[in-house]
C-alpha atoms as a PDB file:
ATOM      1  CA  MET A   1      49.253  84.870 -60.044  1.00  0.00           C
ATOM      2  CA  LEU A   2      50.336  88.471 -60.655  1.00  0.00           C
ATOM      3  CA  THR A   3      48.959  90.045 -63.803  1.00  0.00           C
ATOM      4  CA  ASP A   4      51.761  92.594 -64.199  1.00  0.00           C
ATOM      5  CA  THR A   5      54.653  90.135 -63.886  1.00  0.00           C
ATOM      6  CA  ASN A   6      56.140  88.062 -66.679  1.00  0.00           C
ATOM      7  CA  PRO A   7      55.300  84.391 -65.926  1.00  0.00           C
ATOM      8  CA  GLN A   8      58.968  83.349 -66.173  1.00  0.00           C
ATOM      9  CA  ILE A   9      59.995  86.044 -63.689  1.00  0.00           C
ATOM     10  CA  GLU A  10      57.147  85.079 -61.396  1.00  0.00           C
ATOM     11  CA  ARG A  11      58.320  81.440 -61.391  1.00  0.00           C
ATOM     12  CA  MET A  12      61.808  82.641 -60.484  1.00  0.00           C
ATOM     13  CA  GLN A  13      60.434  84.743 -57.635  1.00  0.00           C
ATOM     14  CA  ILE A  14      58.449  81.806 -56.279  1.00  0.00           C
ATOM     15  CA  GLU A  15      61.492  79.551 -56.454  1.00  0.00           C
ATOM     16  CA  ILE A  16      63.605  82.107 -54.588  1.00  0.00           C
ATOM     17  CA  ILE A  17      60.963  82.337 -51.871  1.00  0.00           C
ATOM     18  CA  ARG A  18      60.729  78.539 -51.622  1.00  0.00           C
ATOM     19  CA  ARG A  19      64.492  78.286 -51.101  1.00  0.00           C
ATOM     20  CA  MET A  20      64.541  80.996 -48.442  1.00  0.00           C
ATOM     21  CA  PRO A  21      65.049  79.800 -44.880  1.00  0.00           C
ATOM     22  CA  ALA A  22      62.090  80.306 -42.568  1.00  0.00           C
ATOM     23  CA  TRP A  23      63.832  83.075 -40.592  1.00  0.00           C
ATOM     24  CA  LYS A  24      64.345  85.059 -43.801  1.00  0.00           C
ATOM     25  CA  LYS A  25      60.703  84.686 -44.832  1.00  0.00           C
ATOM     26  CA  LEU A  26      59.647  85.935 -41.395  1.00  0.00           C
ATOM     27  CA  ALA A  27      62.035  88.878 -41.712  1.00  0.00           C
ATOM     28  CA  VAL A  28      60.535  89.783 -45.094  1.00  0.00           C
ATOM     29  CA  VAL A  29      56.992  89.591 -43.708  1.00  0.00           C
ATOM     30  CA  ASP A  30      58.023  91.683 -40.698  1.00  0.00           C
ATOM     31  CA  GLY A  31      59.462  94.326 -43.002  1.00  0.00           C
ATOM     32  CA  LEU A  32      56.276  94.376 -45.071  1.00  0.00           C
ATOM     33  CA  ASN A  33      54.177  94.718 -41.911  1.00  0.00           C
ATOM     34  CA  GLU A  34      56.296  97.668 -40.767  1.00  0.00           C
ATOM     35  CA  THR A  35      55.896  99.313 -44.184  1.00  0.00           C
ATOM     36  CA  VAL A  36      52.116  98.884 -44.092  1.00  0.00           C
ATOM     37  CA  ARG A  37      52.012 100.288 -40.553  1.00  0.00           C
ATOM     38  CA  ALA A  38      54.099 103.307 -41.573  1.00  0.00           C
ATOM     39  CA  LEU A  39      51.839 103.955 -44.573  1.00  0.00           C
ATOM     40  CA  ALA A  40      48.739 103.668 -42.372  1.00  0.00           C
ATOM     41  CA  VAL A  41      50.169 106.137 -39.841  1.00  0.00           C
ATOM     42  CA  ALA A  42      51.094 108.528 -42.659  1.00  0.00           C
ATOM     43  CA  GLY A  43      47.532 108.317 -43.977  1.00  0.00           C
ATOM     44  CA  ILE A  44      46.087 109.014 -40.518  1.00  0.00           C
ATOM     45  CA  LYS A  45      48.384 112.023 -40.100  1.00  0.00           C
ATOM     46  CA  GLN A  46      47.408 113.332 -43.526  1.00  0.00           C
ATOM     47  CA  ARG A  47      43.693 113.032 -42.745  1.00  0.00           C
ATOM     48  CA  GLN A  48      44.071 114.306 -39.162  1.00  0.00           C
ATOM     49  CA  PRO A  49      47.029 116.717 -39.174  1.00  0.00           C
ATOM     50  CA  ASP A  50      46.324 117.975 -35.644  1.00  0.00           C
ATOM     51  CA  ALA A  51      46.026 114.506 -34.068  1.00  0.00           C
ATOM     52  CA  THR A  52      48.061 113.807 -30.961  1.00  0.00           C
ATOM     53  CA  PRO A  53      50.302 110.721 -30.834  1.00  0.00           C
ATOM     54  CA  GLU A  54      47.651 109.020 -28.657  1.00  0.00           C
ATOM     55  CA  GLN A  55      44.913 109.811 -31.186  1.00  0.00           C
ATOM     56  CA  ILE A  56      47.106 108.426 -33.961  1.00  0.00           C
ATOM     57  CA  ARG A  57      47.694 105.198 -31.993  1.00  0.00           C
ATOM     58  CA  ARG A  58      43.950 104.893 -31.396  1.00  0.00           C
ATOM     59  CA  ALA A  59      43.126 105.478 -35.068  1.00  0.00           C
ATOM     60  CA  LEU A  60      45.736 102.888 -36.056  1.00  0.00           C
ATOM     61  CA  ALA A  61      44.249 100.422 -33.572  1.00  0.00           C
ATOM     62  CA  GLU A  62      40.826 100.971 -35.128  1.00  0.00           C
ATOM     63  CA  LEU A  63      42.257 100.278 -38.580  1.00  0.00           C
ATOM     64  CA  ILE A  64      43.992  97.112 -37.424  1.00  0.00           C
ATOM     65  CA  LEU A  65      41.536  95.744 -34.883  1.00  0.00           C
ATOM     66  CA  GLY A  66      38.258  97.282 -35.972  1.00  0.00           C
ATOM     67  CA  ALA A  67      36.337  99.887 -34.004  1.00  0.00           C
ATOM     68  CA  GLU A  68      34.659  97.495 -31.555  1.00  0.00           C
ATOM     69  CA  LEU A  69      37.792  95.628 -30.483  1.00  0.00           C
ATOM     70  CA  ALA A  70      39.852  98.850 -30.331  1.00  0.00           C
ATOM     71  CA  ARG A  71      37.199 100.351 -28.061  1.00  0.00           C
ATOM     72  CA  LYS A  72      37.352  97.306 -25.764  1.00  0.00           C
ATOM     73  CA  VAL A  73      41.147  97.455 -25.589  1.00  0.00           C
ATOM     74  CA  TYR A  74      41.345 101.214 -25.030  1.00  0.00           C
ATOM     75  CA  ASP A  75      38.399 101.416 -22.618  1.00  0.00           C
ATOM     76  CA  HIS A  76      39.870  98.529 -20.597  1.00  0.00           C
ATOM     77  CA  ALA A  77      43.238 100.310 -20.347  1.00  0.00           C
ATOM     78  CA  LYS A  78      41.709 103.463 -18.840  1.00  0.00           C
END
């Protein structure tokens, strides 16, 4: 699957994941989601250094939801 990982190591990784209880898998996914969100916010702040917290939340919503759905959510909340 991964081109930069030794096939034997990759098999070990897959086996470890298979043996993980469901709650642990969800915790790992949650942690990855938080990391992606933090990286997205950092990117928004880098591109828009003067953005307010509200503008950052809106830009993040557009990244996650797409412009049309973010507009519906934000316009509805006003």
